[in-house]
Amino acid sequence: MKNGENKLDTIIGEYTKLNGEIHSEGGVRIDGEVDGKIICDGFLLIGEKANIKADIQSDEAIISGKVEGNITIEKKLELKSSALINGDIIAKILSMESGTQISGNCSVKQVETAKSTKKAKEK
């Protein structure tokens, strides 16, 4: 993903804990803790110190931290060497650095999801 290509609209800082659902049409960066569900119609960046206990749906994502939950990415998922994933992954394109740890199933295929924020507005 090119620098500047993905605009971040929301940042959840390293010392922030959030319980519940995140729904965003824009870019989201998470460096803190989230327990719930994350649905992002844009770009999702999970920092190295992040601790996520949530199912994730996003267009594109880069993950460097810890995620416990299933991950569904419509376009490209990039896993950094510090990523620790405990859950199933479905992505159209998956790239991972050496050192990435995954405990779960990985499927690289076209993703069919009922996106929340866009679909919720249509209802």
C-alpha atoms as a PDB file:
ATOM      1  CA  MET A   1       0.000   0.000   0.000  1.00  0.00           C
ATOM      2  CA  LYS A   2       1.433   3.306  -1.046  1.00  0.00           C
ATOM      3  CA  ASN A   3       2.198   6.079   1.422  1.00  0.00           C
ATOM      4  CA  GLY A   4      -0.586   8.637   1.553  1.00  0.00           C
ATOM      5  CA  GLU A   5      -2.972   6.392  -0.367  1.00  0.00           C
ATOM      6  CA  ASN A   6      -5.055   5.557   2.685  1.00  0.00           C
ATOM      7  CA  LYS A   7      -6.332   8.459   4.767  1.00  0.00           C
ATOM      8  CA  LEU A   8      -6.845   7.822   8.486  1.00  0.00           C
ATOM      9  CA  ASP A   9      -9.956   9.421   9.980  1.00  0.00           C
ATOM     10  CA  THR A  10      -9.892   7.773  13.416  1.00  0.00           C
ATOM     11  CA  ILE A  11      -7.053   6.908  15.780  1.00  0.00           C
ATOM     12  CA  ILE A  12      -7.471   4.805  18.915  1.00  0.00           C
ATOM     13  CA  GLY A  13      -4.375   5.506  20.995  1.00  0.00           C
ATOM     14  CA  GLU A  14      -2.070   3.092  22.784  1.00  0.00           C
ATOM     15  CA  TYR A  15      -3.567   3.847  26.229  1.00  0.00           C
ATOM     16  CA  THR A  16      -7.204   3.622  25.104  1.00  0.00           C
ATOM     17  CA  LYS A  17      -9.509   0.657  25.765  1.00  0.00           C
ATOM     18  CA  LEU A  18     -12.734   0.370  23.801  1.00  0.00           C
ATOM     19  CA  ASN A  19     -15.518  -2.156  24.410  1.00  0.00           C
ATOM     20  CA  GLY A  20     -18.161  -2.410  21.701  1.00  0.00           C
ATOM     21  CA  GLU A  21     -18.395  -2.037  17.952  1.00  0.00           C
ATOM     22  CA  ILE A  22     -16.471   0.249  15.653  1.00  0.00           C
ATOM     23  CA  HIS A  23     -18.177   1.118  12.363  1.00  0.00           C
ATOM     24  CA  SER A  24     -16.231   3.408  10.038  1.00  0.00           C
ATOM     25  CA  GLU A  25     -16.445   4.453   6.413  1.00  0.00           C
ATOM     26  CA  GLY A  26     -12.958   5.977   6.596  1.00  0.00           C
ATOM     27  CA  GLY A  27      -9.526   4.854   7.679  1.00  0.00           C
ATOM     28  CA  VAL A  28      -8.913   3.652  11.240  1.00  0.00           C
ATOM     29  CA  ARG A  29      -5.665   3.192  13.167  1.00  0.00           C
ATOM     30  CA  ILE A  30      -5.734   1.188  16.408  1.00  0.00           C
ATOM     31  CA  ASP A  31      -2.811   1.172  18.832  1.00  0.00           C
ATOM     32  CA  GLY A  32      -4.816   0.387  21.989  1.00  0.00           C
ATOM     33  CA  GLU A  33      -7.258  -2.321  23.035  1.00  0.00           C
ATOM     34  CA  VAL A  34     -10.579  -3.161  21.373  1.00  0.00           C
ATOM     35  CA  ASP A  35     -12.998  -5.811  22.598  1.00  0.00           C
ATOM     36  CA  GLY A  36     -16.051  -6.254  20.356  1.00  0.00           C
ATOM     37  CA  LYS A  37     -16.307  -5.928  16.569  1.00  0.00           C
ATOM     38  CA  ILE A  38     -14.551  -3.792  13.938  1.00  0.00           C
ATOM     39  CA  ILE A  39     -16.168  -2.974  10.598  1.00  0.00           C
ATOM     40  CA  CYS A  40     -14.256  -0.589   8.386  1.00  0.00           C
ATOM     41  CA  ASP A  41     -15.293   0.267   4.838  1.00  0.00           C
ATOM     42  CA  GLY A  42     -11.894   1.895   4.314  1.00  0.00           C
ATOM     43  CA  PHE A  43      -8.364   1.155   5.445  1.00  0.00           C
ATOM     44  CA  LEU A  44      -7.548  -0.419   8.830  1.00  0.00           C
ATOM     45  CA  LEU A  45      -4.131  -0.177  10.485  1.00  0.00           C
ATOM     46  CA  ILE A  46      -3.516  -2.199  13.650  1.00  0.00           C
ATOM     47  CA  GLY A  47      -0.325  -1.104  15.368  1.00  0.00           C
ATOM     48  CA  GLU A  48       2.326  -3.287  16.959  1.00  0.00           C
ATOM     49  CA  LYS A  49       1.151  -2.609  20.549  1.00  0.00           C
ATOM     50  CA  ALA A  50      -2.547  -3.152  19.772  1.00  0.00           C
ATOM     51  CA  ASN A  51      -4.486  -5.918  21.493  1.00  0.00           C
ATOM     52  CA  ILE A  52      -7.692  -6.740  19.619  1.00  0.00           C
ATOM     53  CA  LYS A  53     -10.368  -9.209  20.737  1.00  0.00           C
ATOM     54  CA  ALA A  54     -12.821  -8.723  17.908  1.00  0.00           C
ATOM     55  CA  ASP A  55     -13.979 -10.009  14.553  1.00  0.00           C
ATOM     56  CA  ILE A  56     -12.731  -7.688  11.818  1.00  0.00           C
ATOM     57  CA  GLN A  57     -14.198  -6.753   8.429  1.00  0.00           C
ATOM     58  CA  SER A  58     -12.407  -4.215   6.248  1.00  0.00           C
ATOM     59  CA  ASP A  59     -11.587  -3.299   2.668  1.00  0.00           C
ATOM     60  CA  GLU A  60      -7.824  -3.287   3.295  1.00  0.00           C
ATOM     61  CA  ALA A  61      -5.688  -3.787   6.385  1.00  0.00           C
ATOM     62  CA  ILE A  62      -2.175  -3.861   7.753  1.00  0.00           C
ATOM     63  CA  ILE A  63      -1.818  -5.739  11.042  1.00  0.00           C
ATOM     64  CA  SER A  64       1.249  -5.536  13.275  1.00  0.00           C
ATOM     65  CA  GLY A  65      -0.306  -6.358  16.663  1.00  0.00           C
ATOM     66  CA  LYS A  66      -2.294  -9.090  18.382  1.00  0.00           C
ATOM     67  CA  VAL A  67      -5.738 -10.088  17.097  1.00  0.00           C
ATOM     68  CA  GLU A  68      -8.054 -12.703  18.623  1.00  0.00           C
ATOM     69  CA  GLY A  69     -10.971 -13.061  16.232  1.00  0.00           C
ATOM     70  CA  ASN A  70     -11.842 -13.783  12.623  1.00  0.00           C
ATOM     71  CA  ILE A  71     -10.549 -11.427   9.930  1.00  0.00           C
ATOM     72  CA  THR A  72     -12.337 -10.817   6.615  1.00  0.00           C
ATOM     73  CA  ILE A  73     -10.659  -8.442   4.149  1.00  0.00           C
ATOM     74  CA  GLU A  74     -12.216  -7.628   0.762  1.00  0.00           C
ATOM     75  CA  LYS A  75      -9.000  -6.526  -0.937  1.00  0.00           C
ATOM     76  CA  LYS A  76      -5.502  -6.809   0.568  1.00  0.00           C
ATOM     77  CA  LEU A  77      -4.356  -7.927   4.008  1.00  0.00           C
ATOM     78  CA  GLU A  78      -0.746  -7.343   4.982  1.00  0.00           C
ATOM     79  CA  LEU A  79       0.581  -9.082   8.100  1.00  0.00           C
ATOM     80  CA  LYS A  80       3.789  -7.716   9.606  1.00  0.00           C
ATOM     81  CA  SER A  81       6.404  -9.876  11.368  1.00  0.00           C
ATOM     82  CA  SER A  82       5.101  -8.779  14.799  1.00  0.00           C
ATOM     83  CA  ALA A  83       1.497  -9.871  14.035  1.00  0.00           C
ATOM     84  CA  LEU A  84      -0.008 -12.573  16.243  1.00  0.00           C
ATOM     85  CA  ILE A  85      -3.347 -13.828  14.898  1.00  0.00           C
ATOM     86  CA  ASN A  86      -5.630 -16.278  16.702  1.00  0.00           C
ATOM     87  CA  GLY A  87      -8.581 -16.768  14.346  1.00  0.00           C
ATOM     88  CA  ASP A  88      -9.540 -17.493  10.761  1.00  0.00           C
ATOM     89  CA  ILE A  89      -8.489 -15.235   7.895  1.00  0.00           C
ATOM     90  CA  ILE A  90     -10.279 -14.683   4.586  1.00  0.00           C
ATOM     91  CA  ALA A  91      -8.745 -12.190   2.154  1.00  0.00           C
ATOM     92  CA  LYS A  92      -8.601 -11.644  -1.581  1.00  0.00           C
ATOM     93  CA  ILE A  93      -4.857 -10.893  -1.356  1.00  0.00           C
ATOM     94  CA  LEU A  94      -2.723 -11.937   1.614  1.00  0.00           C
ATOM     95  CA  SER A  95       0.899 -11.036   2.220  1.00  0.00           C
ATOM     96  CA  MET A  96       2.871 -11.757   5.351  1.00  0.00           C
ATOM     97  CA  GLU A  97       6.356 -11.148   6.576  1.00  0.00           C
ATOM     98  CA  SER A  98       8.565 -13.825   8.037  1.00  0.00           C
ATOM     99  CA  GLY A  99       7.811 -14.174  11.744  1.00  0.00           C
ATOM    100  CA  THR A 100       4.046 -13.674  11.489  1.00  0.00           C
ATOM    101  CA  GLN A 101       2.220 -16.094  13.805  1.00  0.00           C
ATOM    102  CA  ILE A 102      -1.221 -17.442  12.844  1.00  0.00           C
ATOM    103  CA  SER A 103      -3.362 -19.949  14.699  1.00  0.00           C
ATOM    104  CA  GLY A 104      -6.376 -20.575  12.484  1.00  0.00           C
ATOM    105  CA  ASN A 105      -7.390 -21.198   8.887  1.00  0.00           C
ATOM    106  CA  CYS A 106      -6.385 -18.953   5.978  1.00  0.00           C
ATOM    107  CA  SER A 107      -8.377 -18.646   2.754  1.00  0.00           C
ATOM    108  CA  VAL A 108      -7.198 -16.528  -0.141  1.00  0.00           C
ATOM    109  CA  LYS A 109     -10.234 -15.929  -2.325  1.00  0.00           C
ATOM    110  CA  GLN A 110     -12.787 -13.359  -3.427  1.00  0.00           C
ATOM    111  CA  VAL A 111     -14.565 -12.149  -0.313  1.00  0.00           C
ATOM    112  CA  GLU A 112     -18.332 -11.823  -0.189  1.00  0.00           C
ATOM    113  CA  THR A 113     -19.483  -9.834   2.823  1.00  0.00           C
ATOM    114  CA  ALA A 114     -22.518  -7.811   3.739  1.00  0.00           C
ATOM    115  CA  LYS A 115     -20.653  -4.649   4.701  1.00  0.00           C
ATOM    116  CA  SER A 116     -22.229  -2.994   7.681  1.00  0.00           C
ATOM    117  CA  THR A 117     -21.853   0.752   7.386  1.00  0.00           C
ATOM    118  CA  LYS A 118     -22.795   0.971   3.722  1.00  0.00           C
ATOM    119  CA  LYS A 119     -25.540  -1.637   4.013  1.00  0.00           C
ATOM    120  CA  ALA A 120     -26.932  -0.181   7.252  1.00  0.00           C
ATOM    121  CA  LYS A 121     -27.421   3.208   5.593  1.00  0.00           C
ATOM    122  CA  GLU A 122     -29.333   1.626   2.729  1.00  0.00           C
ATOM    123  CA  LYS A 123     -31.871   0.003   5.101  1.00  0.00           C
END
